[in-house]
């Protein structure tokens, strides 16, 4: 019998006993520097170039369909200049997220890789949907897509100590579905994300979600999620897009093959994967 239950995990979360992931240092440094009103583009670029992998991917994203200019950006400073400080702040966080979806336990690692692959698919489509159908920032939509399932990580890490749970896919998947929204919300609160980003992990599974006004990041991620998991065993795999209030708030009428071609979803996905 498993020793880990929904109640025990929530109790650990409530009493700060559940280890939650922290932002990688380079993302924190970029964020803190951008928040400094005296920061310059060179200051941000100098931080990014200390991480070779991040540098290459920042340039790759700057040259993707979302931000491509008349000529290619060939340096980090040129990429930052093209995209702006606030965009690069979000992208720096997005592009180091992958390291939070890795583990040494082979079973946990398999789960985390699966969730990371799904998150990159959803993030890329979210960025393009935001650009095409809303006034929201594409980089924030990208980050929202990448963090929508961040709450699975602490649950899976905790499951390493319970072989019975770890080898019971039905029980583990049920736990992930039930708890990851609340845990994801807590993680993003700890990371000091804006409220409209925090609500994405918290509310993305609520297909009847209603709110007034323009589309928000949760709407965009939810539409991207339902399209991506259609026909799979995901909890939203049998949901039709037309059922979603979010879909209608976005005012969508075209098909997703056209969106993929025009928005460069695959190109963006390759940059963040």
Protein backbone atom coordinates (compact mmCIF):
# COMPACT_ATOMS: atom_id res chain seq x y z
CA UNK A 1 0.00 0.00 0.00
CA UNK A 2 1.28 3.44 -0.90
CA UNK A 3 2.39 5.72 1.93
CA UNK A 4 1.88 8.88 -0.13
CA UNK A 5 -1.65 10.21 -0.44
CA UNK A 6 -3.21 13.43 -1.67
CA UNK A 7 -3.86 14.40 1.93
CA UNK A 8 -0.27 13.79 3.02
CA UNK A 9 1.17 15.76 0.10
CA UNK A 10 -1.16 18.71 0.71
CA UNK A 11 -0.30 18.63 4.41
CA UNK A 12 3.39 18.74 3.52
CA UNK A 13 2.70 21.65 1.16
CA UNK A 14 0.72 23.52 3.81
CA UNK A 15 3.49 23.13 6.39
CA UNK A 16 6.40 23.84 4.02
CA UNK A 17 7.69 20.27 4.15
CA UNK A 18 7.29 19.62 0.43
CA UNK A 19 10.52 20.60 -1.38
CA UNK A 20 9.61 22.92 -4.25
CA UNK A 21 11.88 23.70 -7.21
CA UNK A 22 13.71 27.02 -7.30
CA UNK A 23 14.52 29.12 -10.34
CA UNK A 24 18.00 28.50 -11.80
CA UNK A 25 20.49 31.20 -10.82
CA UNK A 26 20.95 32.66 -14.30
CA UNK A 27 17.20 33.29 -14.61
CA UNK A 28 17.16 35.02 -11.22
CA UNK A 29 20.14 37.20 -12.19
CA UNK A 30 18.48 38.23 -15.46
CA UNK A 31 15.21 39.01 -13.71
CA UNK A 32 16.85 41.03 -10.94
CA UNK A 33 18.95 42.98 -13.43
CA UNK A 34 15.97 43.78 -15.66
CA UNK A 35 14.13 45.04 -12.59
CA UNK A 36 16.97 47.49 -11.97
CA UNK A 37 15.93 50.71 -13.69
CA UNK A 38 19.57 51.48 -14.47
CA UNK A 39 20.15 48.17 -16.27
CA UNK A 40 21.32 48.26 -19.86
CA UNK A 41 21.08 45.81 -22.73
CA UNK A 42 24.79 45.10 -22.31
CA UNK A 43 24.26 44.26 -18.62
CA UNK A 44 21.66 41.63 -19.55
CA UNK A 45 23.73 40.28 -22.42
CA UNK A 46 26.78 39.94 -20.15
CA UNK A 47 24.77 37.73 -17.78
CA UNK A 48 23.35 35.57 -20.55
CA UNK A 49 26.71 34.91 -22.20
CA UNK A 50 27.95 33.27 -19.00
CA UNK A 51 25.67 30.36 -20.00
CA UNK A 52 26.65 29.07 -23.44
CA UNK A 53 23.51 27.00 -23.96
CA UNK A 54 21.22 29.86 -22.97
CA UNK A 55 23.13 32.26 -25.23
CA UNK A 56 22.66 30.03 -28.26
CA UNK A 57 18.97 29.56 -27.61
CA UNK A 58 18.30 33.26 -26.99
CA UNK A 59 19.78 33.97 -30.42
CA UNK A 60 17.78 31.11 -31.94
CA UNK A 61 14.51 32.46 -30.53
CA UNK A 62 15.37 36.00 -31.69
CA UNK A 63 15.65 34.62 -35.22
CA UNK A 64 12.46 32.54 -35.00
CA UNK A 65 9.13 33.40 -36.58
CA UNK A 66 8.03 35.24 -33.44
CA UNK A 67 10.76 37.89 -33.51
CA UNK A 68 12.63 37.63 -36.83
CA UNK A 69 13.86 40.95 -38.23
CA UNK A 70 15.21 42.08 -41.57
CA UNK A 71 18.61 40.57 -40.82
CA UNK A 72 19.59 37.75 -38.45
CA UNK A 73 20.70 38.47 -34.90
CA UNK A 74 24.18 36.99 -34.60
CA UNK A 75 25.05 37.96 -31.02
CA UNK A 76 23.35 37.90 -27.65
CA UNK A 77 23.41 41.68 -27.47
CA UNK A 78 21.74 41.94 -30.89
CA UNK A 79 19.11 39.40 -29.79
CA UNK A 80 18.39 41.33 -26.58
CA UNK A 81 18.20 44.60 -28.51
CA UNK A 82 15.69 43.08 -30.93
CA UNK A 83 13.42 41.53 -28.31
CA UNK A 84 13.70 44.03 -25.46
CA UNK A 85 14.54 43.56 -21.79
CA UNK A 86 11.15 42.37 -20.55
CA UNK A 87 10.85 39.77 -23.29
CA UNK A 88 14.35 38.47 -22.62
CA UNK A 89 13.53 38.30 -18.91
CA UNK A 90 10.70 35.86 -19.65
CA UNK A 91 12.68 33.95 -22.26
CA UNK A 92 15.65 33.47 -19.94
CA UNK A 93 13.33 31.79 -17.45
CA UNK A 94 11.66 29.75 -20.19
CA UNK A 95 14.90 28.51 -21.70
CA UNK A 96 16.34 27.19 -18.44
CA UNK A 97 13.12 25.44 -17.37
CA UNK A 98 14.20 22.13 -18.89
CA UNK A 99 16.65 21.42 -16.07
CA UNK A 100 13.70 21.32 -13.66
CA UNK A 101 12.24 18.39 -15.61
CA UNK A 102 15.11 15.95 -15.08
CA UNK A 103 15.75 13.29 -12.45
CA UNK A 104 18.17 10.47 -11.68
CA UNK A 105 15.46 7.88 -10.99
CA UNK A 106 14.66 6.32 -14.40
CA UNK A 107 10.90 6.08 -13.77
CA UNK A 108 10.65 9.66 -12.53
CA UNK A 109 12.89 10.85 -15.36
CA UNK A 110 10.59 9.20 -17.89
CA UNK A 111 7.57 10.99 -16.44
CA UNK A 112 9.35 14.34 -16.31
CA UNK A 113 10.60 14.05 -19.89
CA UNK A 114 7.06 13.27 -21.00
CA UNK A 115 5.73 16.36 -19.24
CA UNK A 116 8.54 18.53 -20.61
CA UNK A 117 7.81 17.38 -24.18
CA UNK A 118 4.13 18.17 -23.70
CA UNK A 119 4.96 21.53 -22.13
CA UNK A 120 7.19 22.57 -25.03
CA UNK A 121 4.48 21.63 -27.54
CA UNK A 122 1.90 23.65 -25.63
CA UNK A 123 4.25 26.58 -25.03
CA UNK A 124 5.16 26.97 -28.69
CA UNK A 125 1.52 26.89 -29.77
CA UNK A 126 0.56 29.25 -26.93
CA UNK A 127 3.13 31.81 -28.09
CA UNK A 128 1.78 31.76 -31.62
CA UNK A 129 -1.87 31.86 -30.53
CA UNK A 130 -1.14 34.86 -28.32
CA UNK A 131 0.51 36.65 -31.20
CA UNK A 132 -2.24 35.87 -33.72
CA UNK A 133 -5.40 36.16 -31.65
CA UNK A 134 -4.72 38.39 -28.63
CA UNK A 135 -2.87 41.46 -27.44
CA UNK A 136 -0.98 39.33 -24.89
CA UNK A 137 2.79 39.06 -24.98
CA UNK A 138 4.04 36.01 -26.90
CA UNK A 139 6.99 35.51 -24.55
CA UNK A 140 4.70 35.46 -21.51
CA UNK A 141 2.39 32.97 -23.25
CA UNK A 142 5.44 30.82 -23.99
CA UNK A 143 6.45 30.89 -20.33
CA UNK A 144 2.87 30.18 -19.25
CA UNK A 145 2.82 27.09 -21.45
CA UNK A 146 6.13 25.84 -20.08
CA UNK A 147 5.07 26.27 -16.45
CA UNK A 148 1.46 25.08 -16.66
CA UNK A 149 2.42 21.62 -15.36
CA UNK A 150 5.37 22.58 -13.13
CA UNK A 151 3.44 21.19 -10.16
CA UNK A 152 4.11 17.60 -11.22
CA UNK A 153 7.81 17.86 -10.37
CA UNK A 154 7.62 17.84 -6.53
CA UNK A 155 5.06 15.02 -6.60
CA UNK A 156 7.24 12.85 -8.80
CA UNK A 157 10.34 13.57 -6.72
CA UNK A 158 8.42 12.63 -3.57
CA UNK A 159 7.18 9.43 -5.27
CA UNK A 160 10.79 8.24 -5.53
CA UNK A 161 10.53 7.24 -1.85
CA UNK A 162 7.44 5.12 -2.48
CA UNK A 163 8.15 2.28 -4.96
CA UNK A 164 4.55 1.05 -4.71
CA UNK A 165 3.19 4.40 -5.92
CA UNK A 166 5.97 4.87 -8.45
CA UNK A 167 5.10 1.56 -10.11
CA UNK A 168 1.35 2.13 -10.09
CA UNK A 169 0.71 4.38 -13.10
CA UNK A 170 -3.03 4.76 -12.43
CA UNK A 171 -2.51 5.89 -8.84
CA UNK A 172 0.40 8.16 -9.69
CA UNK A 173 -1.35 9.78 -12.66
CA UNK A 174 -4.42 10.34 -10.50
CA UNK A 175 -2.29 12.03 -7.86
CA UNK A 176 -0.58 14.22 -10.47
CA UNK A 177 -3.88 15.31 -11.95
CA UNK A 178 -5.41 16.08 -8.56
CA UNK A 179 -2.50 17.88 -6.93
CA UNK A 180 -0.32 19.46 -9.62
CA UNK A 181 -2.57 22.53 -10.15
CA UNK A 182 -2.39 23.55 -6.48
CA UNK A 183 1.32 22.81 -6.20
CA UNK A 184 2.08 24.59 -9.47
CA UNK A 185 0.23 27.64 -8.21
CA UNK A 186 2.34 27.62 -5.05
CA UNK A 187 5.60 27.29 -6.99
CA UNK A 188 4.83 30.28 -9.22
CA UNK A 189 3.78 32.30 -6.19
CA UNK A 190 7.16 31.50 -4.63
CA UNK A 191 8.87 32.57 -7.84
CA UNK A 192 6.99 35.89 -7.61
CA UNK A 193 5.23 35.47 -10.94
CA UNK A 194 2.41 37.90 -11.78
CA UNK A 195 -1.11 36.79 -10.74
CA UNK A 196 -2.21 36.21 -14.35
CA UNK A 197 0.64 33.71 -14.75
CA UNK A 198 0.07 32.05 -11.36
CA UNK A 199 -3.52 31.22 -12.30
CA UNK A 200 -2.41 29.17 -15.34
CA UNK A 201 -1.30 26.03 -13.47
CA UNK A 202 -4.11 26.57 -10.96
CA UNK A 203 -6.97 26.78 -13.49
CA UNK A 204 -5.87 25.27 -16.82
CA UNK A 205 -7.82 22.01 -16.30
CA UNK A 206 -11.12 23.82 -15.67
CA UNK A 207 -12.77 23.56 -19.08
CA UNK A 208 -15.79 25.58 -17.89
CA UNK A 209 -13.62 28.46 -16.69
CA UNK A 210 -15.35 31.81 -17.12
CA UNK A 211 -14.19 35.39 -16.71
CA UNK A 212 -15.05 38.76 -18.14
CA UNK A 213 -12.96 40.81 -20.50
CA UNK A 214 -10.27 39.90 -22.99
CA UNK A 215 -8.50 36.53 -23.29
CA UNK A 216 -5.85 35.85 -20.68
CA UNK A 217 -2.83 33.53 -20.55
CA UNK A 218 -4.83 30.69 -19.05
CA UNK A 219 -7.24 30.88 -22.02
CA UNK A 220 -4.37 30.66 -24.48
CA UNK A 221 -2.68 27.76 -22.70
CA UNK A 222 -5.95 25.87 -22.32
CA UNK A 223 -6.73 26.10 -26.04
CA UNK A 224 -3.18 25.02 -26.89
CA UNK A 225 -3.43 22.15 -24.40
CA UNK A 226 -6.73 20.80 -25.70
CA UNK A 227 -5.50 20.95 -29.29
CA UNK A 228 -2.22 19.25 -28.38
CA UNK A 229 -3.66 16.36 -26.34
CA UNK A 230 -6.68 15.67 -28.57
CA UNK A 231 -7.31 11.93 -28.84
CA UNK A 232 -4.85 10.96 -26.08
CA UNK A 233 -5.45 9.64 -22.55
CA UNK A 234 -4.82 13.09 -21.07
CA UNK A 235 -7.70 14.28 -18.82
CA UNK A 236 -8.65 16.80 -21.53
CA UNK A 237 -7.96 14.42 -24.42
CA UNK A 238 -11.64 13.99 -25.32
CA UNK A 239 -12.60 17.65 -24.97
CA UNK A 240 -13.65 19.44 -28.16
CA UNK A 241 -12.27 22.93 -28.71
CA UNK A 242 -15.77 24.27 -29.33
CA UNK A 243 -16.67 23.27 -25.75
CA UNK A 244 -14.16 25.72 -24.31
CA UNK A 245 -15.23 29.24 -23.36
CA UNK A 246 -11.53 30.04 -23.83
CA UNK A 247 -11.70 29.05 -27.49
CA UNK A 248 -14.57 31.46 -28.10
CA UNK A 249 -12.87 34.24 -26.15
CA UNK A 250 -9.92 33.94 -28.54
CA UNK A 251 -12.33 34.35 -31.47
CA UNK A 252 -10.75 31.52 -33.40
CA UNK A 253 -12.12 30.37 -36.74
CA UNK A 254 -9.13 28.94 -38.66
CA UNK A 255 -7.66 25.46 -38.48
CA UNK A 256 -4.47 24.61 -36.65
CA UNK A 257 -2.54 23.48 -39.70
CA UNK A 258 -2.78 27.02 -41.04
CA UNK A 259 -1.70 28.42 -37.67
CA UNK A 260 1.28 26.07 -37.61
CA UNK A 261 2.46 27.21 -41.04
CA UNK A 262 1.89 30.91 -40.52
CA UNK A 263 3.05 31.13 -36.93
CA UNK A 264 6.08 28.89 -37.10
CA UNK A 265 5.03 26.69 -34.17
CA UNK A 266 7.59 24.02 -35.06
CA UNK A 267 10.33 26.64 -35.34
CA UNK A 268 9.55 28.02 -31.89
CA UNK A 269 9.31 24.50 -30.45
CA UNK A 270 12.78 23.62 -31.73
CA UNK A 271 14.18 26.72 -30.08
CA UNK A 272 12.87 25.85 -26.63
CA UNK A 273 13.02 22.05 -26.66
